[in-house]
Amino acid sequence: MSPRDLFITALAPMVWGSTYLVTTQFLPADRPLLAATVRALPAGIVLMLVTRTWPRGSWWFKAAALGALNIGLFFFLLFFTAYQLPGGLAALVGSIQPLFVLFLGALLLGERIRLAHIVACAVGAAGVGLLVLRSDASLTVIGVLAGMAGALSMAAGIVLTKRWGRPDGVGLLGFTGLQLAMGGVMLLPVTLVVEGLPTSVTLPNLAGFAYLSVIGALVAYAVWFRGIQRLPTMVVSFLGFLSPLVATALGFVFLGEALSGWQIVGAVLVLGSVYLVQRAGADAGRPVPAKVKVLS
């Protein structure tokens, strides 16, 4: 496992961690589905046109499934959960994703479940909890179920992307475009029905939409899908923990949000969980040394 691939892949969830800052400071208020649609659909269409990539044969179904799991369905469940639960609790529920990846990877990819993976899941979830959870957080059953469904959606997307790979002759950007476009098409009618279009759009709004579409989707998802192909699925999944870590750091630096000692402990635990699963992945990829027969 290359440290370079690990670093490049980590850039994607770090970029996604800036979504909260961009959304609150630049986008129209109370339009999360619009933000998700604009984030996915334009970038997907541009990539498909530039790369001249179109699904063929079984890849009509596969592209639609991956577009739903990684983009469309996942974004919808993510924002639905955000409406039902406080942000910290939503992030905590979503931290179950690596556990789903662990079992789906064993089922569909034949990957071995290691003790280090279980420990890392617990450490990472505890870290996210300390990082984002407030003492006054309250939950709803439907919110928790939606959050778990969103985590399962993204986990299934990661595992199936690893299992199916890319269509023959399709490059990374074309593959990214297929999923973004499919996911965006699924989100568009829901957005129009639930939120509609804003009556006016300002220059800061346009700048925010451009950032989410170009950096948050086109670049970040290309990097993410590249990482899924090159790294163990568990390692990729745990890199997602960097999103709440970056969001917390940006809130502290740019929004003046308080940063407690427990949040610092949570950040250390999050980084520790990523390190644990990365080491487990590196050890799994090493050849077992042959036994040396000693002659006497």
Protein backbone atom coordinates (compact mmCIF):
# COMPACT_ATOMS: atom_id res chain seq x y z
CA MET A 1 0.00 0.00 0.00
CA SER A 2 1.58 3.24 -1.19
CA PRO A 3 1.74 6.20 1.25
CA ARG A 4 1.26 8.43 -1.79
CA ASP A 5 -2.02 6.71 -2.67
CA LEU A 6 -3.10 6.98 0.96
CA PHE A 7 -2.39 10.72 1.06
CA ILE A 8 -4.06 11.44 -2.28
CA THR A 9 -7.19 9.49 -1.29
CA ALA A 10 -7.33 11.27 2.08
CA LEU A 11 -7.69 14.59 0.22
CA ALA A 12 -11.26 13.64 -0.80
CA PRO A 13 -12.82 13.38 2.70
CA MET A 14 -10.76 16.38 3.78
CA VAL A 15 -12.34 18.41 0.97
CA TRP A 16 -15.79 17.08 1.95
CA GLY A 17 -15.08 18.30 5.47
CA SER A 18 -15.18 21.85 4.09
CA THR A 19 -18.76 21.38 2.82
CA TYR A 20 -20.33 22.63 6.07
CA LEU A 21 -18.30 25.85 5.97
CA VAL A 22 -19.05 26.52 2.30
CA THR A 23 -22.75 25.67 2.69
CA THR A 24 -23.32 27.92 5.70
CA GLN A 25 -21.29 30.86 4.42
CA PHE A 26 -21.93 30.90 0.67
CA LEU A 27 -25.06 28.93 -0.33
CA PRO A 28 -28.76 29.85 -0.10
CA ALA A 29 -30.20 28.90 3.29
CA ASP A 30 -32.20 25.72 3.84
CA ARG A 31 -31.59 24.18 0.41
CA PRO A 32 -29.40 21.11 1.07
CA LEU A 33 -30.90 19.03 -1.75
CA LEU A 34 -30.24 21.82 -4.24
CA ALA A 35 -26.65 21.94 -3.05
CA ALA A 36 -26.33 18.16 -3.49
CA THR A 37 -27.85 18.24 -6.99
CA VAL A 38 -25.69 21.14 -8.19
CA ARG A 39 -22.70 19.42 -6.63
CA ALA A 40 -23.21 16.21 -8.63
CA LEU A 41 -25.13 16.76 -11.86
CA PRO A 42 -23.17 19.51 -13.72
CA ALA A 43 -19.80 17.90 -12.94
CA GLY A 44 -21.09 14.50 -14.06
CA ILE A 45 -22.47 15.80 -17.35
CA VAL A 46 -19.27 17.74 -18.12
CA LEU A 47 -17.07 14.71 -17.42
CA MET A 48 -19.23 12.42 -19.57
CA LEU A 49 -19.19 14.89 -22.49
CA VAL A 50 -15.46 15.62 -22.26
CA THR A 51 -14.47 11.96 -21.98
CA ARG A 52 -17.24 10.78 -24.34
CA THR A 53 -18.22 8.11 -21.85
CA TRP A 54 -21.60 6.36 -21.98
CA PRO A 55 -22.75 3.25 -20.16
CA ARG A 56 -23.08 0.13 -22.27
CA GLY A 57 -24.62 -3.27 -21.63
CA SER A 58 -24.66 -4.28 -17.98
CA TRP A 59 -23.00 -0.99 -17.05
CA TRP A 60 -26.34 0.82 -17.41
CA PHE A 61 -27.43 -1.05 -14.30
CA LYS A 62 -24.05 -0.91 -12.57
CA ALA A 63 -23.58 2.82 -13.17
CA ALA A 64 -27.10 3.50 -11.91
CA ALA A 65 -26.51 1.37 -8.82
CA LEU A 66 -23.18 3.00 -8.02
CA GLY A 67 -24.57 6.47 -8.77
CA ALA A 68 -27.40 5.83 -6.32
CA LEU A 69 -25.28 4.27 -3.57
CA ASN A 70 -22.35 6.70 -3.75
CA ILE A 71 -24.21 9.88 -4.74
CA GLY A 72 -28.00 10.08 -5.14
CA LEU A 73 -29.43 7.88 -2.40
CA PHE A 74 -26.53 8.63 -0.08
CA PHE A 75 -26.92 12.42 -0.38
CA PHE A 76 -30.69 12.20 0.12
CA LEU A 77 -30.33 10.08 3.27
CA LEU A 78 -27.48 12.29 4.49
CA PHE A 79 -29.56 15.46 4.30
CA PHE A 80 -32.71 13.75 5.59
CA THR A 81 -30.72 12.59 8.62
CA ALA A 82 -29.38 16.12 9.11
CA TYR A 83 -32.96 17.40 9.31
CA GLN A 84 -33.95 14.70 11.81
CA LEU A 85 -30.89 14.72 14.07
CA PRO A 86 -28.40 17.29 15.38
CA GLY A 87 -25.28 17.41 13.23
CA GLY A 88 -23.08 15.75 15.84
CA LEU A 89 -25.44 12.86 16.39
CA ALA A 90 -25.88 12.42 12.62
CA ALA A 91 -22.10 12.14 12.24
CA LEU A 92 -21.95 9.66 15.11
CA VAL A 93 -24.62 7.43 13.51
CA GLY A 94 -22.77 7.66 10.20
CA SER A 95 -19.56 6.45 11.84
CA ILE A 96 -20.98 2.91 11.68
CA GLN A 97 -20.05 2.90 7.97
CA PRO A 98 -16.67 1.14 8.39
CA LEU A 99 -18.43 -1.68 10.22
CA PHE A 100 -20.75 -2.15 7.24
CA VAL A 101 -17.73 -2.09 4.91
CA LEU A 102 -16.05 -4.70 7.10
CA PHE A 103 -18.88 -7.22 6.76
CA LEU A 104 -19.76 -6.42 3.12
CA GLY A 105 -16.08 -6.74 2.21
CA ALA A 106 -15.96 -10.17 3.82
CA LEU A 107 -19.19 -11.20 2.07
CA LEU A 108 -18.58 -9.82 -1.45
CA LEU A 109 -14.80 -9.52 -1.69
CA GLY A 110 -13.66 -12.37 0.54
CA GLU A 111 -11.66 -9.99 2.73
CA ARG A 112 -10.57 -11.19 6.13
CA ILE A 113 -12.05 -9.57 9.25
CA ARG A 114 -9.22 -8.73 11.63
CA LEU A 115 -9.31 -7.83 15.30
CA ALA A 116 -7.53 -4.58 14.44
CA HIS A 117 -10.49 -3.62 12.22
CA ILE A 118 -13.00 -4.15 15.04
CA VAL A 119 -10.86 -2.16 17.48
CA ALA A 120 -10.39 0.62 14.92
CA CYS A 121 -14.17 0.81 14.34
CA ALA A 122 -14.75 1.28 18.07
CA VAL A 123 -11.94 3.81 18.45
CA GLY A 124 -13.06 5.79 15.40
CA ALA A 125 -16.71 5.92 16.51
CA ALA A 126 -15.64 7.06 19.98
CA GLY A 127 -13.45 9.74 18.42
CA VAL A 128 -16.25 11.04 16.20
CA GLY A 129 -18.56 11.08 19.21
CA LEU A 130 -16.16 13.19 21.26
CA LEU A 131 -15.46 15.40 18.28
CA VAL A 132 -18.99 16.37 17.33
CA LEU A 133 -21.54 15.18 19.92
CA ARG A 134 -23.19 17.67 22.28
CA SER A 135 -24.64 16.83 25.67
CA ASP A 136 -28.07 18.24 24.68
CA ALA A 137 -28.38 16.10 21.53
CA SER A 138 -31.69 14.28 21.14
CA LEU A 139 -32.52 11.54 18.68
CA THR A 140 -35.49 10.23 16.71
CA VAL A 141 -35.92 6.64 15.57
CA ILE A 142 -36.47 7.63 11.93
CA GLY A 143 -33.40 9.86 12.04
CA VAL A 144 -31.20 7.07 13.38
CA LEU A 145 -32.57 4.60 10.81
CA ALA A 146 -31.98 7.08 7.98
CA GLY A 147 -28.43 7.70 9.21
CA MET A 148 -27.71 3.98 9.32
CA ALA A 149 -29.23 3.54 5.86
CA GLY A 150 -27.00 6.34 4.55
CA ALA A 151 -23.93 4.68 6.06
CA LEU A 152 -24.95 1.35 4.52
CA SER A 153 -25.48 3.04 1.14
CA MET A 154 -21.99 4.53 1.09
CA ALA A 155 -20.45 1.30 2.40
CA ALA A 156 -22.15 -0.73 -0.33
CA GLY A 157 -20.98 1.82 -2.90
CA ILE A 158 -17.37 1.45 -1.76
CA VAL A 159 -17.46 -2.36 -1.82
CA LEU A 160 -19.27 -2.65 -5.17
CA THR A 161 -16.94 -0.07 -6.75
CA LYS A 162 -14.06 -2.28 -5.64
CA ARG A 163 -15.80 -5.46 -6.87
CA TRP A 164 -16.92 -4.20 -10.28
CA GLY A 165 -13.97 -1.96 -11.11
CA ARG A 166 -14.30 0.23 -14.20
CA PRO A 167 -15.85 -0.65 -17.57
CA ASP A 168 -13.34 -1.72 -20.24
CA GLY A 169 -11.84 1.30 -21.98
CA VAL A 170 -13.29 3.83 -19.51
CA GLY A 171 -10.86 6.11 -17.71
CA LEU A 172 -11.08 7.39 -14.16
CA LEU A 173 -12.70 10.71 -15.09
CA GLY A 174 -15.30 9.05 -17.29
CA PHE A 175 -16.09 6.56 -14.53
CA THR A 176 -16.47 9.42 -12.06
CA GLY A 177 -18.70 11.29 -14.49
CA LEU A 178 -21.02 8.31 -14.93
CA GLN A 179 -21.69 8.06 -11.21
CA LEU A 180 -22.06 11.80 -10.61
CA ALA A 181 -24.47 12.16 -13.53
CA MET A 182 -26.56 9.15 -12.51
CA GLY A 183 -26.72 10.33 -8.92
CA GLY A 184 -27.52 13.89 -9.95
CA VAL A 185 -30.36 12.77 -12.23
CA MET A 186 -31.87 10.87 -9.30
CA LEU A 187 -31.62 13.91 -7.03
CA LEU A 188 -33.01 16.45 -9.51
CA PRO A 189 -36.75 15.58 -9.36
CA VAL A 190 -36.63 15.25 -5.56
CA THR A 191 -34.97 18.66 -5.32
CA LEU A 192 -37.54 20.32 -7.60
CA VAL A 193 -40.47 18.83 -5.68
CA VAL A 194 -39.19 19.32 -2.15
CA GLU A 195 -37.25 22.60 -2.40
CA GLY A 196 -37.78 24.12 -5.82
CA LEU A 197 -35.39 26.67 -7.31
CA PRO A 198 -34.27 29.83 -5.51
CA THR A 199 -35.82 33.11 -6.66
CA SER A 200 -32.40 34.79 -6.81
CA VAL A 201 -28.77 33.73 -6.81
CA THR A 202 -25.91 35.94 -5.63
CA LEU A 203 -22.24 35.92 -6.64
CA PRO A 204 -21.25 34.24 -3.33
CA ASN A 205 -23.89 31.58 -4.06
CA LEU A 206 -22.38 30.96 -7.49
CA ALA A 207 -18.89 30.75 -5.99
CA GLY A 208 -20.09 28.22 -3.41
CA PHE A 209 -21.86 26.09 -6.02
CA ALA A 210 -18.77 26.19 -8.24
CA TYR A 211 -16.56 25.03 -5.37
CA LEU A 212 -18.87 22.15 -4.47
CA SER A 213 -19.23 21.06 -8.10
CA VAL A 214 -15.61 21.37 -9.27
CA ILE A 215 -13.59 20.70 -6.10
CA GLY A 216 -16.12 18.89 -3.91
CA ALA A 217 -17.42 16.58 -6.64
CA LEU A 218 -15.37 16.45 -9.85
CA VAL A 219 -11.91 16.45 -8.22
CA ALA A 220 -12.76 14.84 -4.87
CA TYR A 221 -14.75 11.93 -6.28
CA ALA A 222 -12.14 11.20 -8.95
CA VAL A 223 -9.55 11.00 -6.17
CA TRP A 224 -11.92 8.89 -4.03
CA PHE A 225 -12.68 6.32 -6.76
CA ARG A 226 -8.98 6.13 -7.60
CA GLY A 227 -8.28 5.32 -3.97
CA ILE A 228 -10.97 2.62 -3.84
CA GLN A 229 -9.26 0.86 -6.73
CA ARG A 230 -5.77 1.09 -5.22
CA LEU A 231 -6.27 0.73 -1.46
CA PRO A 232 -7.95 -1.87 0.78
CA THR A 233 -11.64 -1.08 1.23
CA MET A 234 -11.33 -0.76 5.02
CA VAL A 235 -8.56 1.81 4.70
CA VAL A 236 -10.65 3.89 2.30
CA SER A 237 -13.67 3.67 4.58
CA PHE A 238 -11.76 4.90 7.63
CA LEU A 239 -10.41 7.88 5.73
CA GLY A 240 -14.01 9.15 5.80
CA PHE A 241 -13.47 9.94 9.49
CA LEU A 242 -11.29 12.83 8.37
CA SER A 243 -14.40 14.75 7.21
CA PRO A 244 -15.78 15.61 10.69
CA LEU A 245 -12.22 16.24 11.85
CA VAL A 246 -11.63 18.83 9.11
CA ALA A 247 -15.11 20.32 9.60
CA THR A 248 -14.39 20.84 13.30
CA ALA A 249 -11.00 22.41 12.57
CA LEU A 250 -12.41 24.78 9.94
CA GLY A 251 -15.23 25.79 12.28
CA PHE A 252 -12.66 26.65 14.94
CA VAL A 253 -10.41 28.62 12.57
CA PHE A 254 -12.94 30.48 10.41
CA LEU A 255 -16.19 30.55 12.39
CA GLY A 256 -14.82 31.06 15.89
CA GLU A 257 -16.45 27.86 17.17
CA ALA A 258 -15.22 26.63 20.55
CA LEU A 259 -12.83 23.68 20.68
CA SER A 260 -12.89 21.71 23.93
CA GLY A 261 -10.34 19.35 25.40
CA TRP A 262 -12.65 16.41 24.72
CA GLN A 263 -12.81 17.36 21.05
CA ILE A 264 -9.02 17.30 20.91
CA VAL A 265 -9.10 13.82 22.47
CA GLY A 266 -11.68 12.83 19.84
CA ALA A 267 -9.43 14.10 17.05
CA VAL A 268 -6.55 12.01 18.39
CA LEU A 269 -8.79 8.93 18.52
CA VAL A 270 -9.98 9.51 14.94
CA LEU A 271 -6.41 9.75 13.68
CA GLY A 272 -5.51 6.72 15.78
CA SER A 273 -8.28 4.64 14.19
CA VAL A 274 -7.08 5.59 10.71
CA TYR A 275 -3.54 4.60 11.68
CA LEU A 276 -4.68 1.27 13.14
CA VAL A 277 -6.59 0.20 10.04
CA GLN A 278 -3.82 1.47 7.76
CA ARG A 279 -1.27 -0.65 9.63
CA ALA A 280 -3.58 -3.67 9.48
CA GLY A 281 -3.91 -3.17 5.72
CA ALA A 282 -0.17 -2.81 5.28
CA ASP A 283 0.53 -5.94 7.32
CA ALA A 284 -2.07 -7.91 5.34
CA GLY A 285 -0.31 -7.04 2.10
CA ARG A 286 3.09 -8.31 3.22
CA PRO A 287 4.18 -11.77 2.18
CA VAL A 288 4.49 -14.29 4.98
CA PRO A 289 8.18 -15.18 5.35
CA ALA A 290 9.02 -18.78 4.66
CA LYS A 291 10.24 -20.90 7.57
CA VAL A 292 13.97 -21.45 7.54
CA LYS A 293 15.05 -25.01 8.18
CA VAL A 294 18.07 -25.13 10.47
CA LEU A 295 20.42 -28.00 9.82
CA SER A 296 22.16 -29.48 12.82
